[in-house]
N, C-alpha and C. Protein backbone atom coordinates (compact mmCIF):
# COMPACT_ATOMS: atom_id res chain seq x y z
N MET A 1 65.47 -30.57 15.28
CA MET A 1 64.81 -29.82 14.43
C MET A 1 65.95 -29.71 12.55
N ALA A 2 64.93 -29.65 11.93
CA ALA A 2 65.80 -29.40 10.66
C ALA A 2 66.34 -28.89 10.60
N GLY A 3 67.31 -28.97 9.62
CA GLY A 3 68.33 -28.31 9.21
C GLY A 3 67.93 -27.64 7.98
N PHE A 4 69.19 -26.63 7.20
CA PHE A 4 68.66 -25.45 6.17
C PHE A 4 68.99 -27.35 4.94
N HIS A 5 67.59 -27.38 4.00
CA HIS A 5 67.27 -27.64 3.08
C HIS A 5 66.14 -27.29 1.63
N VAL A 6 67.04 -27.20 0.62
CA VAL A 6 66.22 -27.13 -0.52
C VAL A 6 66.05 -28.22 -1.79
N MET A 7 66.35 -29.14 -1.51
CA MET A 7 66.97 -30.65 -2.10
C MET A 7 66.05 -31.56 -2.23
N THR A 8 65.87 -30.81 -1.10
CA THR A 8 64.57 -32.47 -0.41
C THR A 8 64.15 -31.90 0.59
N ASP A 9 63.17 -32.40 1.35
CA ASP A 9 62.03 -32.04 2.41
C ASP A 9 63.02 -32.09 3.14
N ALA A 10 62.24 -32.23 4.41
CA ALA A 10 63.00 -31.42 5.76
C ALA A 10 63.95 -32.38 6.41
N TYR A 11 63.55 -34.04 5.69
CA TYR A 11 64.25 -34.89 6.96
C TYR A 11 65.03 -35.58 5.28
N GLY A 12 65.61 -34.94 4.31
CA GLY A 12 66.38 -35.26 3.49
C GLY A 12 65.72 -36.62 2.38
N ALA A 13 64.23 -36.49 1.85
CA ALA A 13 63.61 -37.64 1.28
C ALA A 13 63.63 -36.93 0.37
N HIS A 14 63.51 -37.83 -0.96
CA HIS A 14 63.30 -36.86 -2.12
C HIS A 14 61.02 -37.27 -2.97
N VAL A 15 60.64 -36.55 -2.09
CA VAL A 15 59.01 -36.89 -2.71
C VAL A 15 58.89 -36.56 -3.83
N GLN A 16 57.65 -37.15 -3.77
CA GLN A 16 56.75 -36.58 -5.33
C GLN A 16 55.45 -37.61 -5.17
N PRO A 17 54.74 -36.00 -4.46
CA PRO A 17 53.31 -35.86 -4.46
C PRO A 17 52.34 -35.95 -5.50
N THR A 18 50.83 -37.11 -4.89
CA THR A 18 50.22 -37.45 -6.07
C THR A 18 49.80 -36.19 -7.01
N VAL A 19 49.65 -36.57 -8.44
CA VAL A 19 49.11 -35.66 -9.32
C VAL A 19 47.79 -36.06 -10.21
N ARG A 20 46.50 -35.93 -9.22
CA ARG A 20 45.50 -36.02 -10.52
C ARG A 20 45.02 -34.98 -11.00
N HIS A 21 44.13 -35.09 -12.12
CA HIS A 21 43.86 -35.12 -12.88
C HIS A 21 42.91 -33.67 -12.52
N ILE A 22 42.24 -32.57 -12.82
CA ILE A 22 41.50 -31.21 -12.53
C ILE A 22 41.23 -31.08 -13.80
N SER A 23 39.52 -31.64 -13.67
CA SER A 23 38.84 -30.91 -14.11
C SER A 23 38.17 -29.31 -14.64
N THR A 24 37.72 -28.80 -15.19
CA THR A 24 37.19 -27.83 -15.65
C THR A 24 36.14 -27.61 -14.09
N ALA A 25 35.15 -28.24 -13.75
CA ALA A 25 34.54 -28.22 -12.71
C ALA A 25 35.47 -27.68 -11.95
N ASP A 26 36.80 -28.06 -11.26
CA ASP A 26 37.58 -28.08 -10.50
C ASP A 26 37.88 -26.68 -10.89
N LEU A 27 38.66 -26.46 -12.37
CA LEU A 27 38.76 -24.62 -12.28
C LEU A 27 38.18 -23.81 -11.81
N TRP A 28 36.83 -24.20 -11.65
CA TRP A 28 35.46 -23.18 -11.17
C TRP A 28 35.56 -23.51 -9.83
N ASP A 29 35.60 -24.70 -9.46
CA ASP A 29 35.25 -23.96 -7.42
C ASP A 29 36.83 -23.62 -7.22
N ALA A 30 38.42 -23.57 -8.34
CA ALA A 30 39.03 -22.46 -7.74
C ALA A 30 39.02 -21.34 -7.48
N LEU A 31 38.55 -20.99 -8.47
CA LEU A 31 37.79 -19.28 -9.03
C LEU A 31 36.94 -19.10 -8.06
N LYS A 32 35.87 -20.22 -7.73
CA LYS A 32 35.12 -19.88 -6.51
C LYS A 32 35.48 -19.57 -5.43
N LEU A 33 36.48 -20.76 -4.57
CA LEU A 33 37.15 -20.02 -3.41
C LEU A 33 37.95 -19.12 -3.83
N GLY A 34 38.43 -18.59 -4.91
CA GLY A 34 39.53 -17.59 -4.92
C GLY A 34 39.07 -15.97 -4.58
N ALA A 35 37.36 -16.08 -5.41
CA ALA A 35 36.67 -14.92 -5.79
C ALA A 35 36.10 -15.13 -3.52
N GLU A 36 36.38 -16.04 -3.12
CA GLU A 36 35.18 -16.45 -2.22
C GLU A 36 36.39 -15.17 -0.62
N ASP A 37 37.83 -15.83 -1.38
CA ASP A 37 39.49 -15.65 0.03
C ASP A 37 39.54 -14.13 -0.56
N PHE A 38 39.51 -13.63 -1.65
CA PHE A 38 38.82 -11.61 -1.73
C PHE A 38 37.44 -11.31 -1.08
N TRP A 39 36.58 -11.53 -1.46
CA TRP A 39 35.09 -11.03 -1.04
C TRP A 39 35.42 -10.61 0.74
N ALA A 40 36.13 -11.54 1.49
CA ALA A 40 36.82 -11.91 2.85
C ALA A 40 37.28 -10.87 3.51
N LYS A 41 38.33 -10.95 2.33
CA LYS A 41 38.88 -10.21 2.67
C LYS A 41 40.08 -9.13 2.02
N PRO A 42 38.31 -8.19 0.88
CA PRO A 42 39.21 -7.08 0.55
C PRO A 42 40.02 -6.72 0.38
N SER A 43 40.11 -5.89 1.12
CA SER A 43 41.71 -4.34 1.64
C SER A 43 42.52 -4.94 1.66
N HIS A 44 42.25 -6.84 1.99
CA HIS A 44 43.64 -7.29 1.97
C HIS A 44 44.30 -7.48 0.88
N TYR A 45 43.69 -7.99 -0.19
CA TYR A 45 44.54 -8.21 -1.27
C TYR A 45 44.21 -7.12 -2.09
N VAL A 46 43.62 -5.80 -2.23
CA VAL A 46 43.61 -4.64 -2.67
C VAL A 46 44.99 -4.29 -1.96
N PHE A 47 45.23 -4.29 -0.63
CA PHE A 47 46.66 -3.55 -0.56
C PHE A 47 47.75 -4.28 -1.19
N LEU A 48 48.07 -5.52 -0.87
CA LEU A 48 49.19 -6.39 -1.66
C LEU A 48 49.45 -6.10 -3.07
N CYS A 49 48.19 -5.97 -3.24
CA CYS A 49 47.87 -6.02 -5.24
C CYS A 49 48.24 -4.23 -5.53
N LEU A 50 48.43 -3.39 -5.16
CA LEU A 50 49.13 -2.32 -5.29
C LEU A 50 50.13 -2.45 -5.27
N ILE A 51 51.22 -3.29 -5.06
CA ILE A 51 52.78 -3.29 -5.51
C ILE A 51 52.67 -3.70 -6.84
N TYR A 52 51.80 -3.86 -7.65
CA TYR A 52 52.29 -4.12 -9.16
C TYR A 52 51.91 -3.20 -9.90
N PRO A 53 50.76 -1.97 -9.64
CA PRO A 53 51.35 -1.01 -10.49
C PRO A 53 52.05 -0.08 -10.10
N ILE A 54 52.87 -0.52 -8.61
CA ILE A 54 53.79 0.68 -8.12
C ILE A 54 54.75 0.82 -8.81
N VAL A 55 55.17 -0.84 -8.53
CA VAL A 55 56.55 -1.85 -8.90
C VAL A 55 56.57 -0.88 -10.72
N GLY A 56 55.39 -1.48 -11.54
CA GLY A 56 55.71 -1.20 -12.96
C GLY A 56 55.80 0.98 -13.23
N LEU A 57 54.88 1.55 -12.11
CA LEU A 57 55.32 3.09 -12.51
C LEU A 57 56.94 3.82 -11.72
N ILE A 58 57.15 2.39 -10.90
CA ILE A 58 59.54 2.71 -11.07
C ILE A 58 59.13 2.21 -12.09
N LEU A 59 59.26 0.47 -12.95
CA LEU A 59 60.05 1.17 -14.07
C LEU A 59 59.45 1.52 -15.00
N THR A 60 58.62 2.19 -15.24
CA THR A 60 58.40 2.86 -16.53
C THR A 60 58.98 3.75 -16.31
N GLN A 61 59.39 4.76 -14.91
CA GLN A 61 59.56 5.76 -14.50
C GLN A 61 61.38 5.47 -14.87
N TRP A 62 61.87 5.06 -14.34
CA TRP A 62 63.53 4.16 -14.21
C TRP A 62 63.40 4.22 -15.67
N SER A 63 62.32 3.11 -17.06
CA SER A 63 63.62 3.44 -18.35
C SER A 63 63.17 4.32 -18.58
N SER A 64 62.58 5.11 -18.36
CA SER A 64 62.75 6.12 -19.29
C SER A 64 63.72 7.72 -18.61
N GLY A 65 63.40 7.74 -17.94
CA GLY A 65 64.96 8.58 -17.43
C GLY A 65 66.36 7.83 -17.60
N SER A 66 66.85 6.34 -18.40
CA SER A 66 67.49 5.67 -18.53
C SER A 66 67.97 6.01 -19.40
N ASN A 67 67.41 6.45 -20.88
CA ASN A 67 67.21 6.34 -22.29
C ASN A 67 66.65 4.84 -22.04
N ALA A 68 65.90 4.45 -21.71
CA ALA A 68 65.80 2.56 -22.22
C ALA A 68 64.31 2.20 -22.78
N ILE A 69 63.74 3.45 -23.13
CA ILE A 69 62.71 3.76 -23.60
C ILE A 69 61.78 2.11 -24.32
N GLN A 70 62.75 1.50 -24.68
CA GLN A 70 62.09 0.27 -25.71
C GLN A 70 62.25 -0.58 -24.77
N LEU A 71 63.04 -0.40 -23.52
CA LEU A 71 62.74 -2.52 -22.17
C LEU A 71 61.35 -1.28 -21.45
N VAL A 72 60.46 -0.49 -21.51
CA VAL A 72 59.20 -0.37 -20.82
C VAL A 72 58.52 -1.43 -20.98
N TYR A 73 58.02 -1.63 -21.70
CA TYR A 73 57.12 -3.07 -22.46
C TYR A 73 57.58 -4.46 -21.76
N PRO A 74 59.02 -4.49 -22.27
CA PRO A 74 60.17 -6.13 -21.67
C PRO A 74 59.61 -5.93 -20.34
N LEU A 75 60.17 -4.73 -18.87
CA LEU A 75 59.78 -4.06 -17.91
C LEU A 75 58.45 -4.43 -17.18
N MET A 76 57.70 -4.29 -17.91
CA MET A 76 56.17 -4.15 -17.46
C MET A 76 55.54 -5.80 -17.80
N SER A 77 55.80 -6.09 -18.66
CA SER A 77 55.19 -7.10 -19.04
C SER A 77 56.02 -8.43 -18.50
N GLY A 78 57.21 -8.08 -18.32
CA GLY A 78 58.15 -9.24 -17.89
C GLY A 78 57.69 -9.60 -16.17
N PHE A 79 57.33 -8.26 -15.54
CA PHE A 79 57.44 -8.80 -14.66
C PHE A 79 56.24 -9.95 -13.64
N ALA A 80 55.44 -10.22 -15.17
CA ALA A 80 54.92 -10.74 -14.70
C ALA A 80 55.50 -12.33 -14.33
N LEU A 81 56.76 -12.35 -14.51
CA LEU A 81 57.15 -13.77 -15.00
C LEU A 81 57.54 -13.59 -13.32
N ILE A 82 57.47 -12.66 -12.12
CA ILE A 82 58.57 -13.26 -11.20
C ILE A 82 56.95 -12.70 -10.57
N GLY A 83 55.34 -13.29 -10.73
CA GLY A 83 54.70 -12.81 -10.51
C GLY A 83 54.17 -13.73 -9.27
N PRO A 84 54.64 -15.29 -10.00
CA PRO A 84 54.05 -16.51 -8.70
C PRO A 84 54.91 -16.13 -6.99
N PHE A 85 56.30 -15.51 -7.10
CA PHE A 85 57.09 -15.26 -6.17
C PHE A 85 56.30 -13.88 -5.46
N ALA A 86 56.29 -13.33 -6.53
CA ALA A 86 55.47 -11.78 -5.76
C ALA A 86 54.07 -12.08 -5.37
N ALA A 87 53.23 -12.65 -5.96
CA ALA A 87 52.21 -13.36 -4.95
C ALA A 87 52.44 -14.04 -3.75
N ILE A 88 53.35 -15.08 -2.67
CA ILE A 88 53.63 -15.27 -2.12
C ILE A 88 52.82 -15.51 -0.87
N GLY A 89 52.41 -13.82 -0.37
CA GLY A 89 51.78 -13.72 1.11
C GLY A 89 50.32 -13.08 0.26
N LEU A 90 50.41 -13.61 -0.35
CA LEU A 90 48.18 -14.15 -1.13
C LEU A 90 48.15 -15.46 -0.97
N TYR A 91 49.14 -15.80 -1.35
CA TYR A 91 48.61 -17.40 -0.98
C TYR A 91 48.85 -17.42 0.41
N GLU A 92 50.23 -16.80 1.14
CA GLU A 92 49.69 -17.34 3.07
C GLU A 92 48.01 -16.92 3.46
N ILE A 93 47.63 -16.23 3.00
CA ILE A 93 46.71 -15.50 3.51
C ILE A 93 45.14 -16.52 3.87
N SER A 94 45.38 -17.01 2.21
CA SER A 94 44.81 -18.20 2.03
C SER A 94 44.72 -19.29 2.43
N ARG A 95 46.15 -19.41 2.91
CA ARG A 95 46.26 -19.81 3.78
C ARG A 95 45.55 -20.89 4.71
N ARG A 96 45.93 -19.93 5.17
CA ARG A 96 45.64 -19.09 7.31
C ARG A 96 43.89 -19.63 7.39
N ARG A 97 43.04 -18.54 6.02
CA ARG A 97 41.87 -18.46 5.60
C ARG A 97 41.50 -20.09 5.93
N GLU A 98 41.68 -20.63 4.59
CA GLU A 98 41.34 -22.02 4.58
C GLU A 98 41.60 -22.73 5.93
N LEU A 99 42.33 -22.98 6.75
CA LEU A 99 42.70 -23.29 7.79
C LEU A 99 41.77 -22.72 9.04
N GLY A 100 40.90 -21.88 8.85
CA GLY A 100 40.57 -21.35 9.83
C GLY A 100 41.27 -20.32 11.06
N MET A 101 42.34 -20.04 9.98
CA MET A 101 43.48 -19.54 11.22
C MET A 101 43.03 -17.52 11.21
N SER A 102 43.91 -16.99 11.74
CA SER A 102 43.32 -15.30 11.31
C SER A 102 44.23 -14.95 10.45
N SER A 103 43.69 -14.16 9.69
CA SER A 103 43.91 -14.02 7.97
C SER A 103 43.76 -12.28 7.89
N ARG A 104 44.93 -11.68 9.14
CA ARG A 104 45.07 -10.17 8.63
C ARG A 104 45.83 -9.92 8.03
N TRP A 105 45.88 -8.83 7.29
CA TRP A 105 46.49 -9.03 5.90
C TRP A 105 48.21 -8.56 6.22
N HIS A 106 48.96 -8.37 7.65
CA HIS A 106 50.20 -8.95 8.45
C HIS A 106 50.24 -9.91 7.99
N HIS A 107 49.27 -10.75 7.97
CA HIS A 107 49.86 -12.50 8.45
C HIS A 107 50.41 -12.46 6.66
N ALA A 108 50.53 -12.35 5.73
CA ALA A 108 51.24 -12.09 4.40
C ALA A 108 52.26 -12.52 4.91
N LEU A 109 53.33 -11.81 5.74
CA LEU A 109 54.74 -11.70 6.71
C LEU A 109 54.86 -12.79 6.87
N ASP A 110 53.98 -14.07 7.47
CA ASP A 110 54.03 -14.85 7.89
C ASP A 110 54.79 -15.97 7.55
N VAL A 111 55.37 -16.27 6.09
CA VAL A 111 55.67 -16.36 4.85
C VAL A 111 57.63 -17.02 5.82
N ARG A 112 58.10 -15.71 6.43
CA ARG A 112 59.48 -15.68 6.65
C ARG A 112 59.58 -16.75 7.62
N HIS A 113 57.87 -17.11 7.93
CA HIS A 113 58.24 -18.50 9.40
C HIS A 113 58.53 -19.56 9.09
N SER A 114 58.04 -19.70 7.33
CA SER A 114 57.76 -21.29 6.61
C SER A 114 58.75 -22.38 7.05
N PRO A 115 59.05 -23.12 7.47
CA PRO A 115 59.93 -24.50 7.37
C PRO A 115 60.78 -24.26 5.52
N ALA A 116 59.97 -24.14 4.71
CA ALA A 116 60.03 -23.88 3.30
C ALA A 116 60.89 -22.73 2.96
N LEU A 117 61.07 -21.52 3.54
CA LEU A 117 61.42 -20.72 3.30
C LEU A 117 62.56 -20.64 2.39
N PRO A 118 63.89 -21.64 2.44
CA PRO A 118 64.68 -22.02 1.84
C PRO A 118 64.83 -22.20 0.57
N SER A 119 63.22 -23.38 0.74
CA SER A 119 62.87 -23.28 -0.96
C SER A 119 62.32 -22.23 -1.50
N ILE A 120 61.39 -21.92 -1.05
CA ILE A 120 60.78 -21.18 -1.67
C ILE A 120 61.65 -19.61 -2.03
N ALA A 121 62.83 -18.81 -1.86
CA ALA A 121 63.31 -18.01 -1.92
C ALA A 121 64.55 -18.90 -3.44
N VAL A 122 65.06 -20.17 -3.33
CA VAL A 122 65.60 -20.12 -3.93
C VAL A 122 64.94 -20.73 -5.45
N ILE A 123 63.70 -20.20 -5.35
CA ILE A 123 62.63 -20.83 -6.68
C ILE A 123 62.83 -19.03 -6.70
N GLY A 124 62.43 -18.31 -5.94
CA GLY A 124 62.18 -17.17 -6.30
C GLY A 124 63.46 -16.36 -6.91
N ILE A 125 64.47 -16.14 -6.58
CA ILE A 125 65.72 -16.37 -7.27
C ILE A 125 65.70 -17.09 -8.19
N LEU A 126 65.06 -18.21 -9.24
CA LEU A 126 65.59 -18.41 -10.57
C LEU A 126 64.79 -17.93 -11.11
N LEU A 127 63.53 -17.23 -10.45
CA LEU A 127 62.73 -16.22 -11.28
C LEU A 127 63.40 -14.92 -12.14
N PHE A 128 63.95 -14.69 -10.89
CA PHE A 128 64.57 -13.71 -11.29
C PHE A 128 65.32 -13.47 -11.76
N ALA A 129 65.89 -14.52 -12.42
CA ALA A 129 66.89 -14.91 -12.90
C ALA A 129 66.66 -14.71 -15.01
N LEU A 130 65.78 -15.39 -14.70
CA LEU A 130 64.68 -15.68 -15.82
C LEU A 130 63.98 -14.46 -15.84
N PHE A 131 64.00 -13.54 -15.24
CA PHE A 131 63.45 -12.03 -15.36
C PHE A 131 64.22 -11.22 -16.29
N LEU A 132 65.42 -11.40 -15.89
CA LEU A 132 66.75 -11.03 -16.35
C LEU A 132 66.71 -11.12 -17.58
N LEU A 133 66.95 -12.30 -17.92
CA LEU A 133 67.34 -12.86 -18.67
C LEU A 133 66.51 -12.55 -20.16
N TRP A 134 64.79 -12.51 -19.76
CA TRP A 134 64.24 -11.76 -20.65
C TRP A 134 64.86 -10.90 -20.87
N LEU A 135 65.00 -9.91 -20.46
CA LEU A 135 65.10 -8.35 -20.35
C LEU A 135 66.15 -8.39 -21.22
N PHE A 136 67.09 -9.10 -20.94
CA PHE A 136 68.89 -9.10 -21.75
C PHE A 136 68.34 -10.03 -23.61
N THR A 137 67.14 -10.45 -23.70
CA THR A 137 66.65 -11.10 -24.43
C THR A 137 66.45 -10.02 -25.88
N ALA A 138 65.26 -9.70 -24.83
CA ALA A 138 64.94 -8.23 -25.17
C ALA A 138 65.38 -7.61 -26.24
N GLN A 139 66.31 -6.59 -25.16
CA GLN A 139 67.53 -5.67 -25.56
C GLN A 139 68.43 -6.18 -27.28
N SER A 140 68.51 -7.67 -26.77
CA SER A 140 69.46 -8.06 -27.34
C SER A 140 68.49 -8.09 -29.54
N LEU A 141 67.02 -8.74 -29.24
CA LEU A 141 66.05 -7.67 -30.03
C LEU A 141 66.00 -7.40 -30.77
N TYR A 142 66.16 -5.99 -29.49
CA TYR A 142 66.28 -4.62 -30.03
C TYR A 142 67.32 -3.56 -30.82
N THR A 143 68.20 -4.43 -30.16
CA THR A 143 69.64 -4.08 -30.92
C THR A 143 70.09 -5.06 -32.38
N SER A 144 69.51 -6.10 -32.48
CA SER A 144 70.03 -6.03 -33.48
C SER A 144 68.73 -5.62 -35.44
N LEU A 145 67.64 -4.98 -34.45
CA LEU A 145 66.88 -4.58 -35.35
C LEU A 145 67.27 -3.01 -35.82
N PHE A 146 67.31 -2.91 -34.82
CA PHE A 146 67.51 -0.69 -34.64
C PHE A 146 69.02 -0.67 -34.10
N GLY A 147 69.30 -1.24 -34.12
CA GLY A 147 70.82 -0.46 -33.60
C GLY A 147 71.28 -0.58 -32.43
N ALA A 148 72.51 -0.10 -31.35
CA ALA A 148 73.21 0.20 -30.13
C ALA A 148 71.78 1.15 -29.71
N GLU A 149 72.09 2.20 -30.89
CA GLU A 149 71.62 3.87 -29.96
C GLU A 149 69.88 3.51 -29.34
N PRO A 150 69.99 4.01 -28.29
CA PRO A 150 68.54 3.97 -27.77
C PRO A 150 68.22 5.06 -28.52
N PRO A 151 65.75 5.11 -28.56
CA PRO A 151 65.52 5.75 -28.96
C PRO A 151 65.13 7.36 -29.14
N ALA A 152 65.08 8.63 -30.43
CA ALA A 152 65.22 10.34 -29.89
C ALA A 152 64.33 9.70 -28.00
N SER A 153 63.07 9.25 -28.47
CA SER A 153 61.88 10.36 -27.71
C SER A 153 61.31 8.94 -27.68
N VAL A 154 60.67 8.86 -27.01
CA VAL A 154 58.89 8.42 -26.75
C VAL A 154 58.47 8.35 -28.09
N GLY A 155 58.08 9.29 -28.41
CA GLY A 155 57.43 9.35 -29.93
C GLY A 155 58.18 8.73 -31.69
N THR A 156 59.50 8.96 -31.01
CA THR A 156 59.81 8.09 -32.48
C THR A 156 60.22 6.77 -31.59
N PHE A 157 60.11 6.21 -30.62
CA PHE A 157 60.20 5.09 -30.87
C PHE A 157 58.77 3.91 -31.18
N VAL A 158 57.81 4.49 -30.82
CA VAL A 158 56.23 4.57 -31.06
C VAL A 158 55.84 3.95 -32.66
N ARG A 159 56.44 5.69 -33.33
CA ARG A 159 56.59 5.55 -34.90
C ARG A 159 57.65 3.96 -35.03
N ASP A 160 58.52 3.67 -35.03
CA ASP A 160 59.78 3.11 -35.59
C ASP A 160 58.96 2.15 -35.25
N VAL A 161 57.92 1.32 -33.75
CA VAL A 161 57.93 -0.26 -34.20
C VAL A 161 56.57 -0.01 -34.96
N LEU A 162 55.23 0.64 -34.71
CA LEU A 162 54.37 0.68 -34.90
C LEU A 162 54.18 0.79 -36.96
N THR A 163 55.35 1.17 -37.44
CA THR A 163 55.37 2.00 -38.66
C THR A 163 56.01 0.98 -39.56
N THR A 164 56.80 0.96 -39.12
CA THR A 164 57.82 -0.25 -39.87
C THR A 164 58.59 -1.30 -39.94
N GLY A 165 58.60 -1.98 -40.41
CA GLY A 165 58.92 -3.21 -40.54
C GLY A 165 59.92 -4.37 -39.98
N LYS A 166 60.81 -3.25 -39.19
CA LYS A 166 61.36 -3.98 -38.68
C LYS A 166 60.51 -3.47 -36.72
N GLY A 167 59.84 -2.85 -37.26
CA GLY A 167 58.82 -2.65 -35.91
C GLY A 167 58.15 -4.44 -35.69
N TRP A 168 57.06 -4.26 -36.51
CA TRP A 168 56.59 -5.54 -36.66
C TRP A 168 57.65 -6.80 -36.29
N THR A 169 58.17 -7.29 -36.90
CA THR A 169 58.89 -7.89 -36.26
C THR A 169 59.58 -8.09 -35.01
N LEU A 170 59.83 -7.06 -34.21
CA LEU A 170 60.00 -6.74 -32.77
C LEU A 170 58.44 -7.41 -31.89
N ILE A 171 57.86 -7.00 -32.47
CA ILE A 171 56.31 -7.03 -32.00
C ILE A 171 56.29 -9.05 -31.43
N LEU A 172 56.30 -9.05 -33.65
CA LEU A 172 55.20 -10.56 -33.57
C LEU A 172 57.07 -11.25 -32.73
N VAL A 173 57.97 -11.12 -33.10
CA VAL A 173 59.45 -12.10 -32.50
C VAL A 173 59.07 -11.96 -31.08
N GLY A 174 59.17 -10.73 -29.94
CA GLY A 174 59.28 -10.40 -28.95
C GLY A 174 58.25 -10.91 -28.15
N ASN A 175 56.47 -10.76 -28.34
CA ASN A 175 56.32 -11.28 -28.11
C ASN A 175 55.72 -13.23 -28.41
N ALA A 176 56.12 -13.53 -29.09
CA ALA A 176 56.83 -15.04 -28.76
C ALA A 176 57.29 -15.24 -27.85
N VAL A 177 58.90 -14.51 -28.12
CA VAL A 177 59.44 -15.10 -27.43
C VAL A 177 59.40 -15.05 -25.55
N GLY A 178 58.76 -13.84 -26.15
CA GLY A 178 58.20 -13.75 -24.63
C GLY A 178 57.42 -14.74 -24.05
N PHE A 179 56.45 -15.30 -25.04
CA PHE A 179 55.57 -16.60 -25.18
C PHE A 179 56.28 -17.66 -24.20
N VAL A 180 57.11 -17.71 -25.05
CA VAL A 180 57.72 -18.90 -24.31
C VAL A 180 58.31 -19.38 -22.46
N PHE A 181 58.82 -17.55 -22.35
CA PHE A 181 59.66 -17.54 -21.51
C PHE A 181 58.02 -17.13 -20.59
N ALA A 182 56.90 -17.49 -20.54
CA ALA A 182 56.04 -17.34 -19.87
C ALA A 182 55.42 -18.95 -19.45
N ALA A 183 55.63 -19.76 -20.49
CA ALA A 183 55.30 -20.64 -20.52
C ALA A 183 56.14 -21.40 -19.43
N VAL A 184 57.87 -21.62 -19.89
CA VAL A 184 58.60 -21.81 -18.68
C VAL A 184 58.61 -21.64 -17.02
N VAL A 185 57.80 -20.30 -17.02
CA VAL A 185 57.52 -19.90 -15.32
C VAL A 185 55.43 -20.56 -15.07
N LEU A 186 54.76 -20.63 -16.10
CA LEU A 186 53.56 -21.45 -15.83
C LEU A 186 53.97 -23.16 -15.18
N GLY A 187 54.69 -23.72 -16.21
CA GLY A 187 55.45 -25.30 -16.37
C GLY A 187 55.82 -25.55 -14.72
N THR A 188 57.01 -24.55 -14.35
CA THR A 188 58.11 -24.87 -13.29
C THR A 188 57.28 -24.48 -11.89
N THR A 189 56.05 -23.48 -12.08
CA THR A 189 56.00 -22.54 -10.55
C THR A 189 54.43 -22.67 -10.36
N VAL A 190 53.34 -22.72 -11.27
CA VAL A 190 52.54 -22.77 -10.83
C VAL A 190 51.68 -23.19 -10.13
N VAL A 191 51.76 -24.96 -9.41
CA VAL A 191 51.56 -24.81 -7.92
C VAL A 191 52.95 -25.05 -6.74
N ALA A 192 53.97 -24.80 -7.14
CA ALA A 192 55.64 -25.13 -6.66
C ALA A 192 54.95 -23.99 -5.73
N PHE A 193 54.43 -22.55 -5.36
CA PHE A 193 55.00 -22.09 -4.16
C PHE A 193 53.73 -22.83 -3.53
N PRO A 194 52.58 -22.34 -3.37
CA PRO A 194 51.04 -22.88 -2.58
C PRO A 194 51.80 -24.65 -2.58
N LEU A 195 52.26 -25.67 -3.07
CA LEU A 195 52.45 -26.39 -2.52
C LEU A 195 53.36 -26.45 -1.56
N LEU A 196 54.62 -25.55 -1.32
CA LEU A 196 56.10 -25.27 -0.77
C LEU A 196 55.26 -24.84 0.88
N LEU A 197 54.00 -23.88 0.61
CA LEU A 197 53.52 -23.35 1.76
C LEU A 197 52.68 -24.79 2.64
N ASP A 198 52.55 -25.09 2.14
CA ASP A 198 51.36 -26.20 2.17
C ASP A 198 52.57 -26.99 3.47
N ARG A 199 53.58 -28.00 2.47
CA ARG A 199 54.73 -29.37 2.99
C ARG A 199 55.70 -28.76 2.11
N ASP A 200 56.59 -28.83 3.02
CA ASP A 200 58.23 -28.32 3.02
C ASP A 200 58.73 -29.41 1.79
N VAL A 201 58.09 -29.87 0.90
CA VAL A 201 58.60 -31.39 -0.33
C VAL A 201 60.05 -30.20 -0.72
N GLY A 202 60.39 -29.42 -0.88
CA GLY A 202 61.75 -29.29 -1.64
C GLY A 202 61.75 -28.35 -2.89
N ALA A 203 62.69 -28.04 -2.78
CA ALA A 203 62.07 -26.99 -4.30
C ALA A 203 62.28 -27.62 -5.01
N VAL A 204 63.19 -28.64 -5.95
CA VAL A 204 63.41 -29.73 -7.06
C VAL A 204 61.87 -30.14 -7.30
N ALA A 205 62.03 -30.65 -5.90
CA ALA A 205 60.13 -31.62 -5.68
C ALA A 205 58.62 -30.61 -6.45
N ALA A 206 58.47 -29.70 -5.68
CA ALA A 206 57.68 -28.56 -5.99
C ALA A 206 57.89 -27.75 -7.45
N ILE A 207 59.11 -27.90 -8.15
CA ILE A 207 59.17 -27.41 -9.20
C ILE A 207 58.63 -28.55 -10.17
N GLU A 208 59.65 -29.84 -10.05
CA GLU A 208 58.74 -31.39 -10.66
C GLU A 208 57.42 -31.21 -10.85
N THR A 209 56.46 -31.19 -9.59
CA THR A 209 55.07 -31.53 -9.57
C THR A 209 54.18 -30.22 -10.30
N SER A 210 54.68 -29.52 -10.16
CA SER A 210 54.26 -27.80 -11.28
C SER A 210 54.31 -28.51 -12.69
N ALA A 211 55.57 -29.22 -13.53
CA ALA A 211 55.64 -29.75 -14.31
C ALA A 211 54.53 -30.68 -14.99
N ARG A 212 54.69 -31.96 -13.52
CA ARG A 212 53.80 -33.11 -13.93
C ARG A 212 52.64 -32.43 -13.69
N VAL A 213 51.80 -31.20 -12.96
CA VAL A 213 51.05 -31.63 -13.29
C VAL A 213 49.79 -30.99 -14.83
N VAL A 214 51.37 -29.28 -14.85
CA VAL A 214 50.62 -29.50 -15.94
C VAL A 214 50.57 -30.28 -17.58
N MET A 215 51.58 -31.11 -17.34
CA MET A 215 51.72 -32.36 -18.23
C MET A 215 50.77 -32.95 -18.43
N ALA A 216 50.23 -33.26 -17.91
CA ALA A 216 49.11 -34.41 -16.80
C ALA A 216 47.87 -33.47 -17.32
N ASN A 217 47.57 -31.94 -17.42
CA ASN A 217 46.33 -31.34 -17.36
C ASN A 217 47.03 -29.68 -18.03
N PRO A 218 47.09 -30.86 -19.02
CA PRO A 218 47.02 -29.24 -19.94
C PRO A 218 46.29 -27.99 -20.63
N LEU A 219 45.05 -28.30 -20.93
CA LEU A 219 44.31 -28.22 -21.28
C LEU A 219 43.51 -27.66 -19.87
N THR A 220 43.72 -27.57 -18.35
CA THR A 220 42.53 -26.73 -17.82
C THR A 220 43.66 -25.39 -17.17
N MET A 221 45.23 -26.51 -17.25
CA MET A 221 46.22 -25.69 -16.46
C MET A 221 46.53 -24.35 -16.98
N ALA A 222 46.26 -24.68 -18.76
CA ALA A 222 46.84 -23.15 -19.92
C ALA A 222 45.63 -22.17 -19.42
C-alpha cells in the first residue's frame, strides 16, 4: 500500500503529464459536457453551489459586525481564490458520471477516499494562504489610503470610495492586485484538482501541469 506522499506520485516518481493544444472547439466541448453534467443531476449542483452565497452572507455579516466594512468586497471576491478547492465535490461527481458510476450528491464526499487526498489538501492549504494574503494586502491598501480607523458606517464608506480620489485609487489598484492573485490561482490550479482526482501525480506535478497548460494555451485558458 502506498504511503503518505505529496511531492511525488504514489510510487515516488515525479511525473509530467503530456500537455496538448487546447482549441476553441475543445473549450466548447468542455462547456457542453459541463452543461450535460448539470442537467443530468441539477439538484446535486444546486445543493452544492448553495455554499457560495451562504458563505458570502456569513462573511458579510462577520465583517459588518466586526467593524471591517472595508473587507466585505475583498472577502466576497477573494472567496473565489479558494473556489477551485471548494468545487472539488463537483469535480468528483462529474468524474463518477463520466465513468458510468453512481453519482448521487453524497458521492461528492467520496473525495476523502482518494489516494491523492494529501496532495489535494496541500494545494487547498496553499489557496487558503493566498486568500489570507489577499485580505492582508487589501487591508494594507485601505490603511495606506484612509488610515487605520475603520469606516464609521456603510454609507460613509461607500461615499468615500465612490466620490474621492483615494477611493478610486482603492478601486483601481485593489482590482489590479486582485487580478494578479486570480491569475496566480488560475495558472496553478486550473487542471490541478481534476488531474489529482483522475491520477495521483502529486501536488507538485499537478501545479506544474496547470502552469504548463496555461502557458501552452494562454488564450483558451483565459
